[in-house]
């Protein structure tokens, strides 16, 4: 599919079409609500119409609740008319990945093994904060089963497709979030990342995905993947991710690992640029093989930071591939997940996940604790690394998105994964994927920007500077 300019927005007027309204960023919507140039009802209806017309091509939504969304939009409209918005995202449409609890909606986690007939009365922390601040919740986006693989399909919801080419995967496990973001099915999306599940599909789908420092966004209930798991924003623009963080990076007593709240807006430093930053560029982290076309695009992206005033050097960070460490935690988590399943429920689970859980059940305590020690050593290594370097740049993925047929065949061997993403779940550092270019075949390539632990604002400001210098395209609407 051909592409359209991303960061250009038509002014709102009486002649503005519903699609033009749906293309506006969350930041722009809030500005228009404030001046009463647009209403939340008008915007929500435009987004719902767009989903109704286009989602049949990509299958991004597992659940869409139009009636609830319109009701929330009407309440928001009344608040804006009074000049009393509840928070920074009041009236802004938001979709939640179907791993995240939302009161009144089943959270099936992409699995036929989850019984929908349960007491769905609790919100996750992110959902609760969004509700408190008047966001318009649209529904749930698709995920691979329990988020176990880097593809956008499950036995429950079927195949989610890449808007840039419907024959390709959008990546996963937040494939529905990525496809929905790329096609402007609402400006804000809450996803998750336990090994790359936000950054990988963001790269494959040409959108911005940000994994904050672990604990920045509270998590409940705890994932089977424990401290690898992050709740994440996914948006089309960096300033929208900062706006979403303002809403969801807030305290929740149910998460005892959560960080204390920051007394700042995450939008504060976006315009500081990168002048004076020390940036390391690693094309392969010392162990990964990258497709030549991806390598060329990412090398050009790294040069952009030098042009913007940063000091950029190619650096080998001096690590070995930590996949075996990651795999120990991931496989053990799968074993924990399925341990309570009776044979009938377990039989409903995707065979690949059953196999991973079986392997995880064979990991002994000593091996697991050795992996804990090695993870801590990796974290210390990057603590020292970032004493010399403010940021680290890598490709987000070694390859562009794969064709859906090839992806399905590949799962007989392994789930799709990226060698560049899981190290930074282990170290809990902030890491973003931002669109860096298109291959000759027209598929997006993502640049990963990694910061020191707790340096979320540095990652966001660097991403914003790159976005302003290299505005990205969006895909044509499928037809």
Protein backbone atom coordinates (compact mmCIF):
# COMPACT_ATOMS: atom_id res chain seq x y z
CA UNK A 1 0.00 0.00 0.00
CA UNK A 2 1.19 3.50 -0.70
CA UNK A 3 1.74 5.90 2.16
CA UNK A 4 0.46 9.28 3.19
CA UNK A 5 2.17 12.08 5.10
CA UNK A 6 1.86 11.54 8.83
CA UNK A 7 2.30 14.73 10.80
CA UNK A 8 0.27 17.04 8.58
CA UNK A 9 -3.21 17.79 9.90
CA UNK A 10 -5.97 19.75 8.21
CA UNK A 11 -7.53 22.54 10.26
CA UNK A 12 -10.93 21.81 11.73
CA UNK A 13 -13.80 23.55 9.94
CA UNK A 14 -17.42 22.94 9.15
CA UNK A 15 -16.28 21.00 6.08
CA UNK A 16 -13.86 18.74 7.96
CA UNK A 17 -14.69 15.11 7.17
CA UNK A 18 -15.14 12.35 9.72
CA UNK A 19 -11.92 10.72 8.50
CA UNK A 20 -10.00 13.98 8.92
CA UNK A 21 -11.30 14.16 12.51
CA UNK A 22 -10.26 10.55 13.16
CA UNK A 23 -6.73 11.38 11.97
CA UNK A 24 -6.21 14.05 14.63
CA UNK A 25 -3.82 13.31 17.47
CA UNK A 26 -4.95 13.14 21.07
CA UNK A 27 -3.06 16.34 21.80
CA UNK A 28 -4.88 18.12 18.98
CA UNK A 29 -8.24 16.74 20.10
CA UNK A 30 -7.82 18.12 23.59
CA UNK A 31 -6.93 21.53 22.13
CA UNK A 32 -10.07 21.41 19.96
CA UNK A 33 -12.23 20.37 22.91
CA UNK A 34 -10.89 23.30 24.89
CA UNK A 35 -11.85 25.78 22.14
CA UNK A 36 -15.10 23.89 21.41
CA UNK A 37 -14.08 23.43 17.77
CA UNK A 38 -14.89 19.72 18.21
CA UNK A 39 -16.88 17.68 20.69
CA UNK A 40 -16.01 14.26 22.15
CA UNK A 41 -19.24 12.86 20.69
CA UNK A 42 -18.32 14.05 17.21
CA UNK A 43 -14.83 12.59 17.52
CA UNK A 44 -15.93 9.27 19.02
CA UNK A 45 -18.53 8.76 16.31
CA UNK A 46 -15.93 9.51 13.63
CA UNK A 47 -13.56 6.93 15.12
CA UNK A 48 -16.32 4.32 15.48
CA UNK A 49 -17.39 4.88 11.87
CA UNK A 50 -13.81 4.40 10.73
CA UNK A 51 -13.47 1.15 12.71
CA UNK A 52 -16.78 -0.10 11.36
CA UNK A 53 -15.64 0.57 7.80
CA UNK A 54 -12.05 -0.65 7.93
CA UNK A 55 -11.52 -3.15 10.73
CA UNK A 56 -12.94 -6.02 8.66
CA UNK A 57 -9.72 -5.80 6.63
CA UNK A 58 -7.29 -6.08 9.57
CA UNK A 59 -9.19 -7.60 12.54
CA UNK A 60 -7.71 -5.28 15.17
CA UNK A 61 -10.58 -5.39 17.69
CA UNK A 62 -11.56 -8.37 19.81
CA UNK A 63 -14.38 -6.34 21.36
CA UNK A 64 -15.90 -2.99 20.36
CA UNK A 65 -18.49 -1.34 22.63
CA UNK A 66 -19.90 1.53 20.58
CA UNK A 67 -22.83 2.21 22.91
CA UNK A 68 -20.62 2.57 25.97
CA UNK A 69 -18.15 4.75 24.06
CA UNK A 70 -20.86 7.16 22.90
CA UNK A 71 -22.32 7.34 26.42
CA UNK A 72 -18.87 8.21 27.83
CA UNK A 73 -18.37 10.79 25.07
CA UNK A 74 -21.66 12.50 25.95
CA UNK A 75 -20.61 12.77 29.58
CA UNK A 76 -17.26 14.20 28.51
CA UNK A 77 -18.93 16.68 26.17
CA UNK A 78 -20.98 18.02 29.07
CA UNK A 79 -17.85 18.44 31.19
CA UNK A 80 -16.03 20.32 28.42
CA UNK A 81 -19.07 22.56 27.92
CA UNK A 82 -18.82 23.47 31.62
CA UNK A 83 -15.04 23.88 31.34
CA UNK A 84 -14.52 21.09 33.87
CA UNK A 85 -12.54 18.24 32.22
CA UNK A 86 -11.50 15.47 34.57
CA UNK A 87 -7.94 15.11 33.29
CA UNK A 88 -5.54 15.35 30.34
CA UNK A 89 -7.36 12.71 28.25
CA UNK A 90 -10.99 13.59 28.96
CA UNK A 91 -13.02 12.71 25.86
CA UNK A 92 -10.13 11.09 24.00
CA UNK A 93 -10.86 7.64 22.49
CA UNK A 94 -8.63 4.87 23.90
CA UNK A 95 -8.44 1.14 23.17
CA UNK A 96 -7.04 -1.51 25.53
CA UNK A 97 -5.16 -4.66 24.62
CA UNK A 98 -7.12 -7.73 25.65
CA UNK A 99 -4.66 -8.60 28.41
CA UNK A 100 -5.82 -5.58 30.43
CA UNK A 101 -8.83 -5.75 32.73
CA UNK A 102 -11.77 -3.45 32.05
CA UNK A 103 -14.91 -3.50 34.14
CA UNK A 104 -17.91 -4.91 32.28
CA UNK A 105 -15.89 -6.46 29.47
CA UNK A 106 -14.43 -10.00 29.42
CA UNK A 107 -10.65 -10.14 29.26
CA UNK A 108 -10.14 -13.34 27.29
CA UNK A 109 -6.41 -12.84 26.67
CA UNK A 110 -6.68 -14.24 23.16
CA UNK A 111 -7.48 -17.69 24.53
CA UNK A 112 -10.32 -20.17 24.16
CA UNK A 113 -9.29 -21.52 27.57
CA UNK A 114 -10.53 -18.41 29.42
CA UNK A 115 -14.17 -18.70 30.47
CA UNK A 116 -16.03 -15.50 29.48
CA UNK A 117 -18.70 -16.21 32.11
CA UNK A 118 -16.84 -14.59 35.00
CA UNK A 119 -17.30 -11.63 37.32
CA UNK A 120 -15.64 -8.94 35.20
CA UNK A 121 -16.01 -6.12 37.72
CA UNK A 122 -12.43 -4.92 38.17
CA UNK A 123 -10.32 -2.46 36.20
CA UNK A 124 -6.58 -2.74 35.80
CA UNK A 125 -4.64 0.28 37.12
CA UNK A 126 -4.31 1.83 33.65
CA UNK A 127 -8.01 1.35 32.92
CA UNK A 128 -9.00 2.80 36.29
CA UNK A 129 -6.85 5.91 35.75
CA UNK A 130 -8.29 6.44 32.27
CA UNK A 131 -11.84 6.09 33.55
CA UNK A 132 -11.17 8.54 36.39
CA UNK A 133 -9.95 11.10 33.86
CA UNK A 134 -12.86 10.80 31.47
CA UNK A 135 -11.26 8.90 28.60
CA UNK A 136 -13.62 7.27 26.10
CA UNK A 137 -12.91 3.52 26.19
CA UNK A 138 -13.63 1.93 22.81
CA UNK A 139 -13.01 -1.75 23.46
CA UNK A 140 -10.31 -4.44 23.46
CA UNK A 141 -7.70 -5.06 20.77
CA UNK A 142 -6.48 -8.49 19.73
CA UNK A 143 -3.47 -10.30 21.17
CA UNK A 144 -1.70 -13.58 20.60
CA UNK A 145 -2.75 -16.12 23.20
CA UNK A 146 -1.67 -14.84 26.64
CA UNK A 147 0.80 -12.63 24.75
CA UNK A 148 3.15 -15.57 24.24
CA UNK A 149 4.46 -14.86 20.71
CA UNK A 150 5.46 -11.99 18.47
CA UNK A 151 2.62 -12.47 15.99
CA UNK A 152 -0.85 -11.00 15.70
CA UNK A 153 -3.02 -14.10 15.68
CA UNK A 154 -4.75 -16.45 18.08
CA UNK A 155 -7.05 -19.44 17.90
CA UNK A 156 -9.74 -17.30 19.57
CA UNK A 157 -9.79 -14.20 17.36
CA UNK A 158 -8.05 -15.38 14.19
CA UNK A 159 -5.44 -13.47 12.20
CA UNK A 160 -4.78 -9.76 12.63
CA UNK A 161 -3.22 -8.22 9.52
CA UNK A 162 -0.69 -5.49 8.80
CA UNK A 163 -2.29 -2.32 7.36
CA UNK A 164 0.74 -1.73 5.14
CA UNK A 165 0.22 -5.07 3.41
CA UNK A 166 -2.65 -7.33 4.41
CA UNK A 167 -0.66 -10.44 3.52
CA UNK A 168 1.80 -9.64 6.33
CA UNK A 169 1.64 -9.86 10.12
CA UNK A 170 1.58 -6.63 12.14
CA UNK A 171 3.76 -8.40 14.71
CA UNK A 172 2.75 -9.17 18.26
CA UNK A 173 1.73 -9.82 20.77
CA UNK A 174 0.13 -6.34 20.65
CA UNK A 175 -0.78 -6.84 17.01
CA UNK A 176 -4.29 -5.46 17.38
CA UNK A 177 -2.99 -2.33 19.10
CA UNK A 178 -0.46 -1.77 16.32
CA UNK A 179 -2.90 -2.28 13.44
CA UNK A 180 -5.47 -0.06 15.16
CA UNK A 181 -2.91 2.67 15.81
CA UNK A 182 -1.66 2.62 12.22
CA UNK A 183 -5.20 2.95 10.85
CA UNK A 184 -6.23 5.72 13.25
CA UNK A 185 -8.75 3.64 15.16
CA UNK A 186 -8.40 6.12 18.01
CA UNK A 187 -5.24 8.05 18.89
CA UNK A 188 -4.34 6.28 22.17
CA UNK A 189 -3.74 2.58 22.77
CA UNK A 190 -2.70 0.76 25.92
CA UNK A 191 -0.63 -2.34 25.13
CA UNK A 192 1.84 -4.57 26.97
CA UNK A 193 5.46 -5.62 26.51
CA UNK A 194 7.00 -8.71 28.11
CA UNK A 195 9.81 -9.26 25.60
CA UNK A 196 9.09 -6.86 22.76
CA UNK A 197 5.31 -7.17 22.47
CA UNK A 198 4.88 -3.41 22.01
CA UNK A 199 8.07 -2.47 20.22
CA UNK A 200 8.07 -5.34 17.71
CA UNK A 201 4.55 -4.66 16.33
CA UNK A 202 5.17 -0.91 16.49
CA UNK A 203 8.19 -1.43 14.23
CA UNK A 204 6.33 -3.74 11.85
CA UNK A 205 3.30 -1.46 11.67
CA UNK A 206 4.97 1.94 11.43
CA UNK A 207 3.85 3.47 14.75
CA UNK A 208 5.42 4.63 18.02
CA UNK A 209 5.64 2.16 20.87
CA UNK A 210 7.20 2.92 24.24
CA UNK A 211 8.14 0.52 27.04
CA UNK A 212 8.67 2.72 30.11
CA UNK A 213 10.99 1.82 32.95
CA UNK A 214 9.57 -1.15 34.83
CA UNK A 215 7.12 0.02 37.48
CA UNK A 216 6.40 3.35 35.79
CA UNK A 217 2.88 2.20 34.90
CA UNK A 218 1.38 0.02 37.67
CA UNK A 219 0.37 -3.53 36.75
CA UNK A 220 -2.45 -5.65 38.18
CA UNK A 221 -3.04 -8.52 38.11
CA UNK A 222 0.55 -9.71 37.94
CA UNK A 223 1.54 -11.31 34.64
CA UNK A 224 2.87 -14.85 34.51
CA UNK A 225 6.03 -13.17 33.22
CA UNK A 226 6.48 -11.20 36.41
CA UNK A 227 9.05 -8.40 36.28
CA UNK A 228 9.56 -8.76 32.52
CA UNK A 229 6.06 -7.39 31.94
CA UNK A 230 5.28 -3.73 31.27
CA UNK A 231 2.05 -1.86 30.49
CA UNK A 232 2.80 0.47 27.61
CA UNK A 233 1.51 3.30 25.43
CA UNK A 234 1.24 2.88 21.67
CA UNK A 235 0.41 5.93 19.55
CA UNK A 236 1.08 7.58 16.21
CA UNK A 237 2.96 10.50 17.77
CA UNK A 238 5.44 10.88 20.58
CA UNK A 239 3.58 13.74 22.24
CA UNK A 240 0.49 11.51 22.45
CA UNK A 241 2.50 8.84 24.26
CA UNK A 242 3.63 11.46 26.77
CA UNK A 243 0.00 12.57 27.19
CA UNK A 244 -1.10 8.97 27.79
CA UNK A 245 1.67 8.52 30.36
CA UNK A 246 0.39 11.60 32.16
CA UNK A 247 -2.86 9.68 32.56
CA UNK A 248 -1.69 6.15 33.41
CA UNK A 249 1.70 6.55 35.14
CA UNK A 250 -0.04 7.19 38.44
CA UNK A 251 -0.07 5.27 41.73
CA UNK A 252 -2.11 2.15 42.36
CA UNK A 253 -1.80 0.29 45.66
CA UNK A 254 -2.36 -3.09 44.04
CA UNK A 255 1.14 -3.05 42.48
CA UNK A 256 3.82 -3.20 45.19
CA UNK A 257 6.60 -2.92 42.56
CA UNK A 258 5.29 0.38 41.16
CA UNK A 259 7.57 3.40 41.15
CA UNK A 260 6.58 6.53 43.08
CA UNK A 261 4.78 9.07 40.89
CA UNK A 262 6.79 11.77 39.13
CA UNK A 263 5.71 15.31 39.97
CA UNK A 264 6.04 16.29 36.30
CA UNK A 265 4.17 16.08 33.06
CA UNK A 266 5.86 13.63 30.69
CA UNK A 267 5.37 16.27 27.98
CA UNK A 268 7.59 18.83 29.73
CA UNK A 269 10.95 18.04 28.11
CA UNK A 270 9.83 16.87 24.68
CA UNK A 271 11.16 19.93 22.86
CA UNK A 272 14.63 19.94 24.46
CA UNK A 273 16.15 18.11 21.50
CA UNK A 274 19.27 15.95 21.56
CA UNK A 275 22.05 18.50 21.33
CA UNK A 276 24.86 17.48 23.68
CA UNK A 277 23.59 13.94 24.28
CA UNK A 278 26.08 11.07 24.04
CA UNK A 279 24.49 8.38 21.90
CA UNK A 280 25.88 4.91 21.22
CA UNK A 281 24.78 3.17 18.03
CA UNK A 282 24.96 -0.63 17.93
CA UNK A 283 23.79 -2.24 14.66
CA UNK A 284 23.71 -5.74 16.17
CA UNK A 285 24.36 -5.53 19.94
CA UNK A 286 27.41 -7.68 19.24
CA UNK A 287 25.47 -10.87 18.38
CA UNK A 288 22.46 -10.20 16.11
CA UNK A 289 22.37 -10.53 12.33
CA UNK A 290 20.21 -7.89 10.65
CA UNK A 291 18.72 -7.84 7.15
CA UNK A 292 20.82 -5.54 4.93
CA UNK A 293 17.91 -3.26 4.07
CA UNK A 294 17.04 -2.82 7.76
CA UNK A 295 20.69 -2.15 8.59
CA UNK A 296 20.91 0.59 5.94
CA UNK A 297 17.76 2.35 7.15
CA UNK A 298 18.85 2.23 10.80
CA UNK A 299 22.36 3.50 10.04
CA UNK A 300 20.82 6.48 8.27
CA UNK A 301 18.53 7.08 11.24
CA UNK A 302 21.52 7.10 13.60
CA UNK A 303 23.18 9.80 11.47
CA UNK A 304 20.11 11.97 11.95
CA UNK A 305 20.90 12.30 15.65
CA UNK A 306 24.39 13.56 14.82
CA UNK A 307 22.84 16.10 12.44
CA UNK A 308 20.62 17.22 15.34
CA UNK A 309 23.65 17.92 17.53
CA UNK A 310 24.24 14.73 19.47
CA UNK A 311 27.55 12.90 19.68
CA UNK A 312 26.96 9.55 17.96
CA UNK A 313 29.46 6.70 17.86
CA UNK A 314 29.14 3.10 16.77
CA UNK A 315 29.69 0.98 19.87
CA UNK A 316 29.56 -2.68 20.79
CA UNK A 317 27.99 -2.77 24.26
CA UNK A 318 29.98 -5.90 25.11
CA UNK A 319 27.26 -8.43 25.91
CA UNK A 320 26.46 -11.94 24.78
CA UNK A 321 22.99 -12.81 23.55
CA UNK A 322 20.93 -13.07 26.78
CA UNK A 323 18.15 -15.09 25.15
CA UNK A 324 18.81 -18.16 27.29
CA UNK A 325 18.35 -15.98 30.40
CA UNK A 326 15.14 -14.56 29.00
CA UNK A 327 13.94 -17.99 27.92
CA UNK A 328 14.32 -19.35 31.43
CA UNK A 329 11.94 -16.73 32.81
CA UNK A 330 9.59 -16.89 29.83
CA UNK A 331 9.29 -20.68 29.83
CA UNK A 332 8.89 -20.82 33.61
CA UNK A 333 6.16 -18.20 33.35
CA UNK A 334 4.31 -20.29 30.78
CA UNK A 335 4.55 -23.31 33.08
CA UNK A 336 3.12 -21.24 35.93
CA UNK A 337 0.31 -19.99 33.68
CA UNK A 338 -0.86 -23.45 32.61
CA UNK A 339 -0.18 -25.23 35.91
CA UNK A 340 -3.74 -24.73 37.13
CA UNK A 341 -5.36 -25.75 33.84
CA UNK A 342 -7.17 -29.07 33.84
CA UNK A 343 -6.54 -31.33 30.79
CA UNK A 344 -9.66 -30.11 28.99
CA UNK A 345 -8.69 -26.43 29.33
CA UNK A 346 -5.07 -27.11 28.48
CA UNK A 347 -6.14 -28.85 25.27
CA UNK A 348 -7.72 -25.56 24.12
CA UNK A 349 -4.37 -23.76 24.33
CA UNK A 350 -2.21 -23.26 21.25
CA UNK A 351 0.18 -26.22 20.86
CA UNK A 352 3.26 -23.98 20.76
CA UNK A 353 2.41 -22.46 24.12
CA UNK A 354 1.73 -25.90 25.58
CA UNK A 355 5.18 -26.97 24.43
CA UNK A 356 6.81 -23.91 26.00
CA UNK A 357 4.99 -24.58 29.28
CA UNK A 358 6.13 -28.20 29.26
CA UNK A 359 9.74 -27.11 28.86
CA UNK A 360 9.28 -24.49 31.56
CA UNK A 361 8.07 -27.12 33.99
CA UNK A 362 11.39 -28.91 33.67
CA UNK A 363 13.49 -25.94 34.77
CA UNK A 364 15.00 -26.69 38.18
CA UNK A 365 15.31 -24.19 41.02
CA UNK A 366 19.09 -23.88 40.77
CA UNK A 367 18.92 -23.10 37.03
CA UNK A 368 16.22 -20.51 37.66
CA UNK A 369 18.21 -18.78 40.40
CA UNK A 370 21.31 -18.82 38.21
CA UNK A 371 19.26 -16.99 35.59
CA UNK A 372 18.31 -14.45 38.27
CA UNK A 373 21.99 -13.84 38.99
CA UNK A 374 22.84 -13.49 35.29
CA UNK A 375 19.95 -11.07 34.82
CA UNK A 376 21.25 -8.92 37.66
CA UNK A 377 24.71 -8.94 36.10
CA UNK A 378 23.23 -7.79 32.77
CA UNK A 379 21.43 -4.96 34.55
CA UNK A 380 24.64 -3.87 36.29
CA UNK A 381 26.46 -3.98 32.93
CA UNK A 382 24.01 -1.52 31.41
CA UNK A 383 24.06 0.68 34.50
CA UNK A 384 27.80 1.08 33.88
CA UNK A 385 27.29 1.44 30.12
CA UNK A 386 24.97 4.40 30.63
CA UNK A 387 27.50 6.21 32.76
CA UNK A 388 29.22 6.90 29.42
CA UNK A 389 26.21 6.97 27.09
CA UNK A 390 22.88 8.74 27.50
CA UNK A 391 21.17 6.59 24.89
CA UNK A 392 21.67 3.43 22.88
CA UNK A 393 20.31 3.04 19.35
CA UNK A 394 19.61 -0.32 17.68
CA UNK A 395 17.22 -1.70 15.11
CA UNK A 396 13.96 -2.70 16.77
CA UNK A 397 13.77 -5.88 14.73
CA UNK A 398 16.28 -7.73 12.61
CA UNK A 399 13.82 -8.09 9.73
CA UNK A 400 10.70 -6.37 8.45
CA UNK A 401 7.32 -8.01 9.02
CA UNK A 402 6.98 -11.52 7.65
CA UNK A 403 4.24 -12.81 5.41
CA UNK A 404 1.41 -14.40 7.38
CA UNK A 405 1.82 -17.77 5.65
CA UNK A 406 5.54 -17.85 6.38
CA UNK A 407 4.93 -16.76 9.97
CA UNK A 408 2.53 -19.62 10.56
CA UNK A 409 4.97 -22.14 9.14
CA UNK A 410 7.80 -20.71 11.22
CA UNK A 411 5.90 -21.36 14.43
CA UNK A 412 6.61 -25.06 14.01
CA UNK A 413 10.15 -24.08 14.98
CA UNK A 414 9.79 -21.00 17.22
CA UNK A 415 7.63 -17.96 17.85
CA UNK A 416 8.71 -14.80 16.04
CA UNK A 417 10.95 -12.69 18.28
CA UNK A 418 13.39 -9.83 17.99
CA UNK A 419 17.00 -10.17 19.22
CA UNK A 420 16.97 -6.46 20.09
CA UNK A 421 13.97 -6.17 22.41
CA UNK A 422 14.08 -8.81 25.17
CA UNK A 423 17.44 -7.69 26.67
CA UNK A 424 15.76 -4.51 27.86
CA UNK A 425 12.87 -6.34 29.47
CA UNK A 426 15.50 -8.17 31.48
CA UNK A 427 17.19 -4.88 32.46
CA UNK A 428 13.87 -3.00 32.88
CA UNK A 429 15.17 0.02 30.96
CA UNK A 430 12.95 2.41 29.00
CA UNK A 431 12.98 1.59 25.29
CA UNK A 432 11.00 2.93 22.36
CA UNK A 433 10.46 1.94 18.74
CA UNK A 434 9.95 4.78 16.29
CA UNK A 435 9.39 4.47 12.52
CA UNK A 436 12.65 4.99 10.64
CA UNK A 437 11.78 4.22 7.02
CA UNK A 438 10.24 1.84 4.53
CA UNK A 439 11.77 -1.10 2.71
CA UNK A 440 11.63 -1.31 -1.08
CA UNK A 441 8.61 -3.55 -0.58
CA UNK A 442 6.88 -0.80 1.40
CA UNK A 443 7.14 -2.35 4.87
CA UNK A 444 8.04 -0.20 7.91
CA UNK A 445 11.33 -0.46 9.79
CA UNK A 446 11.66 0.63 13.41
CA UNK A 447 14.54 2.30 15.26
CA UNK A 448 14.90 1.34 18.92
CA UNK A 449 15.95 4.07 21.38
CA UNK A 450 17.06 2.80 24.80
CA UNK A 451 17.78 4.89 27.87
CA UNK A 452 19.26 4.27 31.28
CA UNK A 453 16.83 2.91 33.85
CA UNK A 454 14.50 5.73 34.98
CA UNK A 455 15.59 8.01 32.07
CA UNK A 456 12.19 7.85 30.38
CA UNK A 457 12.16 11.57 29.59
CA UNK A 458 15.48 11.31 27.72
CA UNK A 459 14.10 8.54 25.49
CA UNK A 460 10.92 10.50 24.80
CA UNK A 461 12.71 13.73 23.96
CA UNK A 462 15.09 11.92 21.59
CA UNK A 463 12.18 10.17 19.91
CA UNK A 464 10.33 13.47 19.56
CA UNK A 465 13.37 15.14 18.02
CA UNK A 466 13.74 12.30 15.51
CA UNK A 467 10.03 12.41 14.69
CA UNK A 468 10.18 16.13 14.00
CA UNK A 469 13.23 15.69 11.78
CA UNK A 470 11.91 12.62 9.95
CA UNK A 471 8.11 12.70 9.92
CA UNK A 472 6.74 9.33 8.95
CA UNK A 473 4.04 8.21 6.60
CA UNK A 474 0.85 6.32 7.40
CA UNK A 475 -0.61 3.52 5.28
CA UNK A 476 -3.39 4.03 2.79
CA UNK A 477 -6.73 2.80 4.01
CA UNK A 478 -7.30 -0.81 2.95
CA UNK A 479 -10.07 -1.47 0.48
